[in-house]
Amino acid sequence: MRDWRYTEQFKLEAVRQVTERGFKTKEVSQRLGISSKSLYLWVKQSKEGVSQGNTDRQEIARLKNELKRVQEERDILKKAAAYFAKASG
């Protein structure tokens, strides 16, 4: 059977049975009627996806911190501009 015939939900559930529930890959593949090779590939892809997800979360956290810093700087500059406009006017 071809890999594209399975939905993402089916693949995720098959991978979870191996990675989270501790079933053996061979057992899960036999029970679900898929090749062990396909399941091994899905597990590998899932682990690679987790690594990428962690990297993405770190980048998002970094960008949020930078945004907060820039917004604070902007607020300070707005107050300074208003103060000097009032003082000179």
PDB file of N, CA and C in Angstrom:
ATOM      1  N   MET A   1       0.837  -1.193   0.000  1.00  0.00           N
ATOM      2  CA  MET A   1       0.000   0.000   0.000  1.00  0.00           C
ATOM      3  C   MET A   1       0.873   1.244   0.000  1.00  0.00           C
ATOM      4  N   ARG A   2       0.369   2.281  -0.581  1.00  0.00           N
ATOM      5  CA  ARG A   2       1.107   3.533  -0.694  1.00  0.00           C
ATOM      6  C   ARG A   2       0.847   4.414   0.516  1.00  0.00           C
ATOM      7  N   ASP A   3       1.862   5.176   0.878  1.00  0.00           N
ATOM      8  CA  ASP A   3       1.826   6.054   2.036  1.00  0.00           C
ATOM      9  C   ASP A   3       0.737   7.121   1.913  1.00  0.00           C
ATOM     10  N   TRP A   4       0.484   7.621   0.711  1.00  0.00           N
ATOM     11  CA  TRP A   4      -0.463   8.717   0.512  1.00  0.00           C
ATOM     12  C   TRP A   4      -1.909   8.296   0.740  1.00  0.00           C
ATOM     13  N   ARG A   5      -2.136   7.018   0.907  1.00  0.00           N
ATOM     14  CA  ARG A   5      -3.506   6.552   1.127  1.00  0.00           C
ATOM     15  C   ARG A   5      -3.974   6.763   2.559  1.00  0.00           C
ATOM     16  N   TYR A   6      -3.045   7.056   3.449  1.00  0.00           N
ATOM     17  CA  TYR A   6      -3.373   7.203   4.861  1.00  0.00           C
ATOM     18  C   TYR A   6      -3.504   8.679   5.223  1.00  0.00           C
ATOM     19  N   THR A   7      -4.499   8.970   6.035  1.00  0.00           N
ATOM     20  CA  THR A   7      -4.683  10.356   6.471  1.00  0.00           C
ATOM     21  C   THR A   7      -3.618  10.710   7.501  1.00  0.00           C
ATOM     22  N   GLU A   8      -3.407  11.991   7.683  1.00  0.00           N
ATOM     23  CA  GLU A   8      -2.450  12.444   8.684  1.00  0.00           C
ATOM     24  C   GLU A   8      -2.875  11.987  10.079  1.00  0.00           C
ATOM     25  N   GLN A   9      -4.165  12.008  10.343  1.00  0.00           N
ATOM     26  CA  GLN A   9      -4.678  11.567  11.640  1.00  0.00           C
ATOM     27  C   GLN A   9      -4.350  10.098  11.878  1.00  0.00           C
ATOM     28  N   PHE A  10      -4.510   9.267  10.845  1.00  0.00           N
ATOM     29  CA  PHE A  10      -4.181   7.842  10.951  1.00  0.00           C
ATOM     30  C   PHE A  10      -2.701   7.658  11.260  1.00  0.00           C
ATOM     31  N   LYS A  11      -1.860   8.395  10.537  1.00  0.00           N
ATOM     32  CA  LYS A  11      -0.411   8.295  10.742  1.00  0.00           C
ATOM     33  C   LYS A  11      -0.032   8.730  12.153  1.00  0.00           C
ATOM     34  N   LEU A  12      -0.600   9.850  12.604  1.00  0.00           N
ATOM     35  CA  LEU A  12      -0.302  10.353  13.945  1.00  0.00           C
ATOM     36  C   LEU A  12      -0.699   9.352  15.024  1.00  0.00           C
ATOM     37  N   GLU A  13      -1.853   8.733  14.859  1.00  0.00           N
ATOM     38  CA  GLU A  13      -2.309   7.753  15.838  1.00  0.00           C
ATOM     39  C   GLU A  13      -1.397   6.525  15.832  1.00  0.00           C
ATOM     40  N   ALA A  14      -0.978   6.088  14.667  1.00  0.00           N
ATOM     41  CA  ALA A  14      -0.063   4.946  14.578  1.00  0.00           C
ATOM     42  C   ALA A  14       1.263   5.282  15.265  1.00  0.00           C
ATOM     43  N   VAL A  15       1.768   6.471  15.033  1.00  0.00           N
ATOM     44  CA  VAL A  15       3.027   6.899  15.650  1.00  0.00           C
ATOM     45  C   VAL A  15       2.865   6.990  17.161  1.00  0.00           C
ATOM     46  N   ARG A  16       1.740   7.519  17.629  1.00  0.00           N
ATOM     47  CA  ARG A  16       1.498   7.633  19.076  1.00  0.00           C
ATOM     48  C   ARG A  16       1.494   6.265  19.759  1.00  0.00           C
ATOM     49  N   GLN A  17       0.965   5.266  19.072  1.00  0.00           N
ATOM     50  CA  GLN A  17       0.939   3.934  19.658  1.00  0.00           C
ATOM     51  C   GLN A  17       2.357   3.424  19.920  1.00  0.00           C
ATOM     52  N   VAL A  18       3.290   3.838  19.075  1.00  0.00           N
ATOM     53  CA  VAL A  18       4.683   3.421  19.251  1.00  0.00           C
ATOM     54  C   VAL A  18       5.396   4.334  20.253  1.00  0.00           C
ATOM     55  N   THR A  19       5.277   5.650  20.058  1.00  0.00           N
ATOM     56  CA  THR A  19       6.079   6.593  20.841  1.00  0.00           C
ATOM     57  C   THR A  19       5.521   6.875  22.226  1.00  0.00           C
ATOM     58  N   GLU A  20       4.204   6.901  22.373  1.00  0.00           N
ATOM     59  CA  GLU A  20       3.616   7.271  23.655  1.00  0.00           C
ATOM     60  C   GLU A  20       3.083   6.075  24.442  1.00  0.00           C
ATOM     61  N   ARG A  21       2.570   5.088  23.731  1.00  0.00           N
ATOM     62  CA  ARG A  21       1.952   3.951  24.417  1.00  0.00           C
ATOM     63  C   ARG A  21       2.882   2.760  24.556  1.00  0.00           C
ATOM     64  N   GLY A  22       4.039   2.818  23.887  1.00  0.00           N
ATOM     65  CA  GLY A  22       5.065   1.799  24.075  1.00  0.00           C
ATOM     66  C   GLY A  22       4.885   0.499  23.312  1.00  0.00           C
ATOM     67  N   PHE A  23       3.973   0.467  22.346  1.00  0.00           N
ATOM     68  CA  PHE A  23       3.811  -0.739  21.548  1.00  0.00           C
ATOM     69  C   PHE A  23       4.981  -0.884  20.578  1.00  0.00           C
ATOM     70  N   LYS A  24       5.302  -2.107  20.222  1.00  0.00           N
ATOM     71  CA  LYS A  24       6.370  -2.356  19.257  1.00  0.00           C
ATOM     72  C   LYS A  24       5.886  -1.994  17.858  1.00  0.00           C
ATOM     73  N   THR A  25       6.806  -1.499  17.058  1.00  0.00           N
ATOM     74  CA  THR A  25       6.476  -1.061  15.702  1.00  0.00           C
ATOM     75  C   THR A  25       5.882  -2.206  14.886  1.00  0.00           C
ATOM     76  N   LYS A  26       6.481  -3.349  14.991  1.00  0.00           N
ATOM     77  CA  LYS A  26       5.988  -4.513  14.232  1.00  0.00           C
ATOM     78  C   LYS A  26       4.563  -4.868  14.627  1.00  0.00           C
ATOM     79  N   GLU A  27       4.282  -4.836  15.922  1.00  0.00           N
ATOM     80  CA  GLU A  27       2.942  -5.153  16.420  1.00  0.00           C
ATOM     81  C   GLU A  27       1.903  -4.160  15.892  1.00  0.00           C
ATOM     82  N   VAL A  28       2.225  -2.881  15.963  1.00  0.00           N
ATOM     83  CA  VAL A  28       1.299  -1.845  15.503  1.00  0.00           C
ATOM     84  C   VAL A  28       1.075  -1.960  13.995  1.00  0.00           C
ATOM     85  N   SER A  29       2.147  -2.164  13.249  1.00  0.00           N
ATOM     86  CA  SER A  29       2.005  -2.252  11.791  1.00  0.00           C
ATOM     87  C   SER A  29       1.158  -3.449  11.394  1.00  0.00           C
ATOM     88  N   GLN A  30       1.326  -4.576  12.071  1.00  0.00           N
ATOM     89  CA  GLN A  30       0.506  -5.751  11.758  1.00  0.00           C
ATOM     90  C   GLN A  30      -0.953  -5.510  12.108  1.00  0.00           C
ATOM     91  N   ARG A  31      -1.191  -4.936  13.282  1.00  0.00           N
ATOM     92  CA  ARG A  31      -2.553  -4.694  13.728  1.00  0.00           C
ATOM     93  C   ARG A  31      -3.290  -3.717  12.811  1.00  0.00           C
ATOM     94  N   LEU A  32      -2.560  -2.705  12.309  1.00  0.00           N
ATOM     95  CA  LEU A  32      -3.192  -1.694  11.465  1.00  0.00           C
ATOM     96  C   LEU A  32      -3.142  -2.025   9.977  1.00  0.00           C
ATOM     97  N   GLY A  33      -2.408  -3.077   9.630  1.00  0.00           N
ATOM     98  CA  GLY A  33      -2.335  -3.476   8.228  1.00  0.00           C
ATOM     99  C   GLY A  33      -1.467  -2.564   7.379  1.00  0.00           C
ATOM    100  N   ILE A  34      -0.399  -2.066   7.978  1.00  0.00           N
ATOM    101  CA  ILE A  34       0.540  -1.226   7.238  1.00  0.00           C
ATOM    102  C   ILE A  34       1.925  -1.858   7.305  1.00  0.00           C
ATOM    103  N   SER A  35       2.805  -1.429   6.441  1.00  0.00           N
ATOM    104  CA  SER A  35       4.151  -1.996   6.461  1.00  0.00           C
ATOM    105  C   SER A  35       4.954  -1.406   7.619  1.00  0.00           C
ATOM    106  N   SER A  36       5.831  -2.227   8.169  1.00  0.00           N
ATOM    107  CA  SER A  36       6.707  -1.751   9.239  1.00  0.00           C
ATOM    108  C   SER A  36       7.587  -0.621   8.739  1.00  0.00           C
ATOM    109  N   LYS A  37       8.005  -0.713   7.485  1.00  0.00           N
ATOM    110  CA  LYS A  37       8.859   0.316   6.889  1.00  0.00           C
ATOM    111  C   LYS A  37       8.158   1.677   6.919  1.00  0.00           C
ATOM    112  N   SER A  38       6.881   1.685   6.542  1.00  0.00           N
ATOM    113  CA  SER A  38       6.122   2.940   6.556  1.00  0.00           C
ATOM    114  C   SER A  38       6.034   3.504   7.959  1.00  0.00           C
ATOM    115  N   LEU A  39       5.745   2.645   8.935  1.00  0.00           N
ATOM    116  CA  LEU A  39       5.604   3.105  10.309  1.00  0.00           C
ATOM    117  C   LEU A  39       6.928   3.632  10.860  1.00  0.00           C
ATOM    118  N   TYR A  40       8.026   2.939  10.563  1.00  0.00           N
ATOM    119  CA  TYR A  40       9.342   3.435  10.977  1.00  0.00           C
ATOM    120  C   TYR A  40       9.596   4.827  10.392  1.00  0.00           C
ATOM    121  N   LEU A  41       9.226   5.011   9.131  1.00  0.00           N
ATOM    122  CA  LEU A  41       9.417   6.302   8.470  1.00  0.00           C
ATOM    123  C   LEU A  41       8.569   7.380   9.142  1.00  0.00           C
ATOM    124  N   TRP A  42       7.321   7.057   9.455  1.00  0.00           N
ATOM    125  CA  TRP A  42       6.443   8.029  10.108  1.00  0.00           C
ATOM    126  C   TRP A  42       6.976   8.422  11.474  1.00  0.00           C
ATOM    127  N   VAL A  43       7.497   7.440  12.221  1.00  0.00           N
ATOM    128  CA  VAL A  43       8.064   7.728  13.542  1.00  0.00           C
ATOM    129  C   VAL A  43       9.271   8.655  13.395  1.00  0.00           C
ATOM    130  N   LYS A  44      10.126   8.358  12.426  1.00  0.00           N
ATOM    131  CA  LYS A  44      11.309   9.185  12.184  1.00  0.00           C
ATOM    132  C   LYS A  44      10.902  10.611  11.821  1.00  0.00           C
ATOM    133  N   GLN A  45       9.935  10.732  10.913  1.00  0.00           N
ATOM    134  CA  GLN A  45       9.467  12.058  10.498  1.00  0.00           C
ATOM    135  C   GLN A  45       8.850  12.803  11.675  1.00  0.00           C
ATOM    136  N   SER A  46       8.162  12.092  12.533  1.00  0.00           N
ATOM    137  CA  SER A  46       7.547  12.707  13.710  1.00  0.00           C
ATOM    138  C   SER A  46       8.614  13.268  14.633  1.00  0.00           C
ATOM    139  N   LYS A  47       9.681  12.520  14.858  1.00  0.00           N
ATOM    140  CA  LYS A  47      10.765  12.988  15.723  1.00  0.00           C
ATOM    141  C   LYS A  47      11.450  14.199  15.119  1.00  0.00           C
ATOM    142  N   GLU A  48      11.635  14.212  13.815  1.00  0.00           N
ATOM    143  CA  GLU A  48      12.245  15.363  13.147  1.00  0.00           C
ATOM    144  C   GLU A  48      11.342  16.579  13.259  1.00  0.00           C
ATOM    145  N   GLY A  49      10.041  16.352  13.176  1.00  0.00           N
ATOM    146  CA  GLY A  49       9.072  17.436  13.316  1.00  0.00           C
ATOM    147  C   GLY A  49       9.093  18.044  14.702  1.00  0.00           C
ATOM    148  N   VAL A  50       9.294  17.210  15.720  1.00  0.00           N
ATOM    149  CA  VAL A  50       9.367  17.700  17.094  1.00  0.00           C
ATOM    150  C   VAL A  50      10.573  18.597  17.248  1.00  0.00           C
ATOM    151  N   SER A  51      11.696  18.210  16.674  1.00  0.00           N
ATOM    152  CA  SER A  51      12.899  19.042  16.750  1.00  0.00           C
ATOM    153  C   SER A  51      12.647  20.395  16.109  1.00  0.00           C
ATOM    154  N   GLN A  52      12.015  20.396  14.958  1.00  0.00           N
ATOM    155  CA  GLN A  52      11.707  21.645  14.269  1.00  0.00           C
ATOM    156  C   GLN A  52      10.720  22.465  15.089  1.00  0.00           C
ATOM    157  N   GLY A  53       9.759  21.784  15.712  1.00  0.00           N
ATOM    158  CA  GLY A  53       8.787  22.491  16.547  1.00  0.00           C
ATOM    159  C   GLY A  53       9.445  23.180  17.720  1.00  0.00           C
ATOM    160  N   ASN A  54      10.417  22.524  18.352  1.00  0.00           N
ATOM    161  CA  ASN A  54      11.139  23.143  19.460  1.00  0.00           C
ATOM    162  C   ASN A  54      11.892  24.371  18.992  1.00  0.00           C
ATOM    163  N   THR A  55      12.524  24.271  17.836  1.00  0.00           N
ATOM    164  CA  THR A  55      13.259  25.400  17.274  1.00  0.00           C
ATOM    165  C   THR A  55      12.302  26.557  16.997  1.00  0.00           C
ATOM    166  N   ASP A  56      11.151  26.252  16.450  1.00  0.00           N
ATOM    167  CA  ASP A  56      10.154  27.288  16.163  1.00  0.00           C
ATOM    168  C   ASP A  56       9.680  27.961  17.446  1.00  0.00           C
ATOM    169  N   ARG A  57       9.440  27.183  18.490  1.00  0.00           N
ATOM    170  CA  ARG A  57       8.989  27.762  19.757  1.00  0.00           C
ATOM    171  C   ARG A  57      10.051  28.676  20.357  1.00  0.00           C
ATOM    172  N   GLN A  58      11.308  28.276  20.248  1.00  0.00           N
ATOM    173  CA  GLN A  58      12.394  29.118  20.754  1.00  0.00           C
ATOM    174  C   GLN A  58      12.465  30.431  19.984  1.00  0.00           C
ATOM    175  N   GLU A  59      12.311  30.361  18.675  1.00  0.00           N
ATOM    176  CA  GLU A  59      12.344  31.565  17.845  1.00  0.00           C
ATOM    177  C   GLU A  59      11.164  32.477  18.174  1.00  0.00           C
ATOM    178  N   ILE A  60       9.996  31.899  18.390  1.00  0.00           N
ATOM    179  CA  ILE A  60       8.816  32.694  18.745  1.00  0.00           C
ATOM    180  C   ILE A  60       9.036  33.395  20.079  1.00  0.00           C
ATOM    181  N   ALA A  61       9.587  32.678  21.058  1.00  0.00           N
ATOM    182  CA  ALA A  61       9.863  33.285  22.365  1.00  0.00           C
ATOM    183  C   ALA A  61      10.868  34.429  22.232  1.00  0.00           C
ATOM    184  N   ARG A  62      11.909  34.226  21.424  1.00  0.00           N
ATOM    185  CA  ARG A  62      12.907  35.269  21.213  1.00  0.00           C
ATOM    186  C   ARG A  62      12.270  36.506  20.584  1.00  0.00           C
ATOM    187  N   LEU A  63      11.436  36.283  19.579  1.00  0.00           N
ATOM    188  CA  LEU A  63      10.788  37.402  18.896  1.00  0.00           C
ATOM    189  C   LEU A  63       9.807  38.134  19.811  1.00  0.00           C
ATOM    190  N   LYS A  64       9.098  37.409  20.666  1.00  0.00           N
ATOM    191  CA  LYS A  64       8.191  38.058  21.614  1.00  0.00           C
ATOM    192  C   LYS A  64       8.960  38.955  22.572  1.00  0.00           C
ATOM    193  N   ASN A  65      10.103  38.459  23.052  1.00  0.00           N
ATOM    194  CA  ASN A  65      10.930  39.277  23.952  1.00  0.00           C
ATOM    195  C   ASN A  65      11.437  40.527  23.252  1.00  0.00           C
ATOM    196  N   GLU A  66      11.873  40.365  22.013  1.00  0.00           N
ATOM    197  CA  GLU A  66      12.352  41.516  21.255  1.00  0.00           C
ATOM    198  C   GLU A  66      11.225  42.520  21.009  1.00  0.00           C
ATOM    199  N   LEU A  67      10.046  42.034  20.684  1.00  0.00           N
ATOM    200  CA  LEU A  67       8.897  42.910  20.464  1.00  0.00           C
ATOM    201  C   LEU A  67       8.571  43.700  21.731  1.00  0.00           C
ATOM    202  N   LYS A  68       8.590  43.032  22.869  1.00  0.00           N
ATOM    203  CA  LYS A  68       8.307  43.707  24.138  1.00  0.00           C
ATOM    204  C   LYS A  68       9.327  44.823  24.389  1.00  0.00           C
ATOM    205  N   ARG A  69      10.605  44.538  24.145  1.00  0.00           N
ATOM    206  CA  ARG A  69      11.656  45.534  24.345  1.00  0.00           C
ATOM    207  C   ARG A  69      11.449  46.740  23.422  1.00  0.00           C
ATOM    208  N   VAL A  70      11.152  46.477  22.166  1.00  0.00           N
ATOM    209  CA  VAL A  70      10.963  47.556  21.186  1.00  0.00           C
ATOM    210  C   VAL A  70       9.729  48.387  21.535  1.00  0.00           C
ATOM    211  N   GLN A  71       8.669  47.734  22.005  1.00  0.00           N
ATOM    212  CA  GLN A  71       7.473  48.478  22.391  1.00  0.00           C
ATOM    213  C   GLN A  71       7.749  49.382  23.595  1.00  0.00           C
ATOM    214  N   GLU A  72       8.539  48.878  24.553  1.00  0.00           N
ATOM    215  CA  GLU A  72       8.899  49.705  25.708  1.00  0.00           C
ATOM    216  C   GLU A  72       9.727  50.912  25.269  1.00  0.00           C
ATOM    217  N   GLU A  73      10.671  50.697  24.351  1.00  0.00           N
ATOM    218  CA  GLU A  73      11.473  51.808  23.828  1.00  0.00           C
ATOM    219  C   GLU A  73      10.589  52.831  23.130  1.00  0.00           C
ATOM    220  N   ARG A  74       9.641  52.362  22.341  1.00  0.00           N
ATOM    221  CA  ARG A  74       8.715  53.251  21.634  1.00  0.00           C
ATOM    222  C   ARG A  74       7.912  54.087  22.613  1.00  0.00           C
ATOM    223  N   ASP A  75       7.415  53.444  23.672  1.00  0.00           N
ATOM    224  CA  ASP A  75       6.619  54.168  24.663  1.00  0.00           C
ATOM    225  C   ASP A  75       7.441  55.256  25.355  1.00  0.00           C
ATOM    226  N   ILE A  76       8.701  54.948  25.656  1.00  0.00           N
ATOM    227  CA  ILE A  76       9.584  55.940  26.278  1.00  0.00           C
ATOM    228  C   ILE A  76       9.811  57.120  25.331  1.00  0.00           C
ATOM    229  N   LEU A  77      10.044  56.820  24.055  1.00  0.00           N
ATOM    230  CA  LEU A  77      10.268  57.886  23.069  1.00  0.00           C
ATOM    231  C   LEU A  77       9.019  58.742  22.875  1.00  0.00           C
ATOM    232  N   LYS A  78       7.838  58.134  22.906  1.00  0.00           N
ATOM    233  CA  LYS A  78       6.592  58.905  22.790  1.00  0.00           C
ATOM    234  C   LYS A  78       6.462  59.890  23.944  1.00  0.00           C
ATOM    235  N   LYS A  79       6.753  59.415  25.163  1.00  0.00           N
ATOM    236  CA  LYS A  79       6.657  60.278  26.338  1.00  0.00           C
ATOM    237  C   LYS A  79       7.677  61.406  26.267  1.00  0.00           C
ATOM    238  N   ALA A  80       8.880  61.076  25.802  1.00  0.00           N
ATOM    239  CA  ALA A  80       9.925  62.098  25.683  1.00  0.00           C
ATOM    240  C   ALA A  80       9.539  63.131  24.639  1.00  0.00           C
ATOM    241  N   ALA A  81       9.002  62.689  23.521  1.00  0.00           N
ATOM    242  CA  ALA A  81       8.595  63.620  22.456  1.00  0.00           C
ATOM    243  C   ALA A  81       7.474  64.535  22.958  1.00  0.00           C
ATOM    244  N   ALA A  82       6.520  63.979  23.685  1.00  0.00           N
ATOM    245  CA  ALA A  82       5.426  64.787  24.218  1.00  0.00           C
ATOM    246  C   ALA A  82       5.962  65.792  25.244  1.00  0.00           C
ATOM    247  N   TYR A  83       6.892  65.387  26.071  1.00  0.00           N
ATOM    248  CA  TYR A  83       7.472  66.282  27.077  1.00  0.00           C
ATOM    249  C   TYR A  83       8.190  67.460  26.424  1.00  0.00           C
ATOM    250  N   PHE A  84       9.025  67.162  25.422  1.00  0.00           N
ATOM    251  CA  PHE A  84       9.787  68.225  24.763  1.00  0.00           C
ATOM    252  C   PHE A  84       8.879  69.123  23.914  1.00  0.00           C
ATOM    253  N   ALA A  85       7.835  68.572  23.334  1.00  0.00           N
ATOM    254  CA  ALA A  85       6.884  69.397  22.564  1.00  0.00           C
ATOM    255  C   ALA A  85       6.165  70.371  23.503  1.00  0.00           C
ATOM    256  N   LYS A  86       5.806  69.883  24.673  1.00  0.00           N
ATOM    257  CA  LYS A  86       5.113  70.724  25.650  1.00  0.00           C
ATOM    258  C   LYS A  86       6.061  71.791  26.225  1.00  0.00           C
ATOM    259  N   ALA A  87       7.308  71.415  26.467  1.00  0.00           N
ATOM    260  CA  ALA A  87       8.285  72.338  27.052  1.00  0.00           C
ATOM    261  C   ALA A  87       8.668  73.451  26.074  1.00  0.00           C
ATOM    262  N   SER A  88       8.709  73.156  24.777  1.00  0.00           N
ATOM    263  CA  SER A  88       9.109  74.168  23.814  1.00  0.00           C
ATOM    264  C   SER A  88       7.936  74.998  23.317  1.00  0.00           C
ATOM    265  N   GLY A  89       6.734  74.570  23.598  1.00  0.00           N
ATOM    266  CA  GLY A  89       5.561  75.229  23.057  1.00  0.00           C
ATOM    267  C   GLY A  89       4.917  76.147  23.976  1.00  0.00           C
TER     268      GLY A  89
END
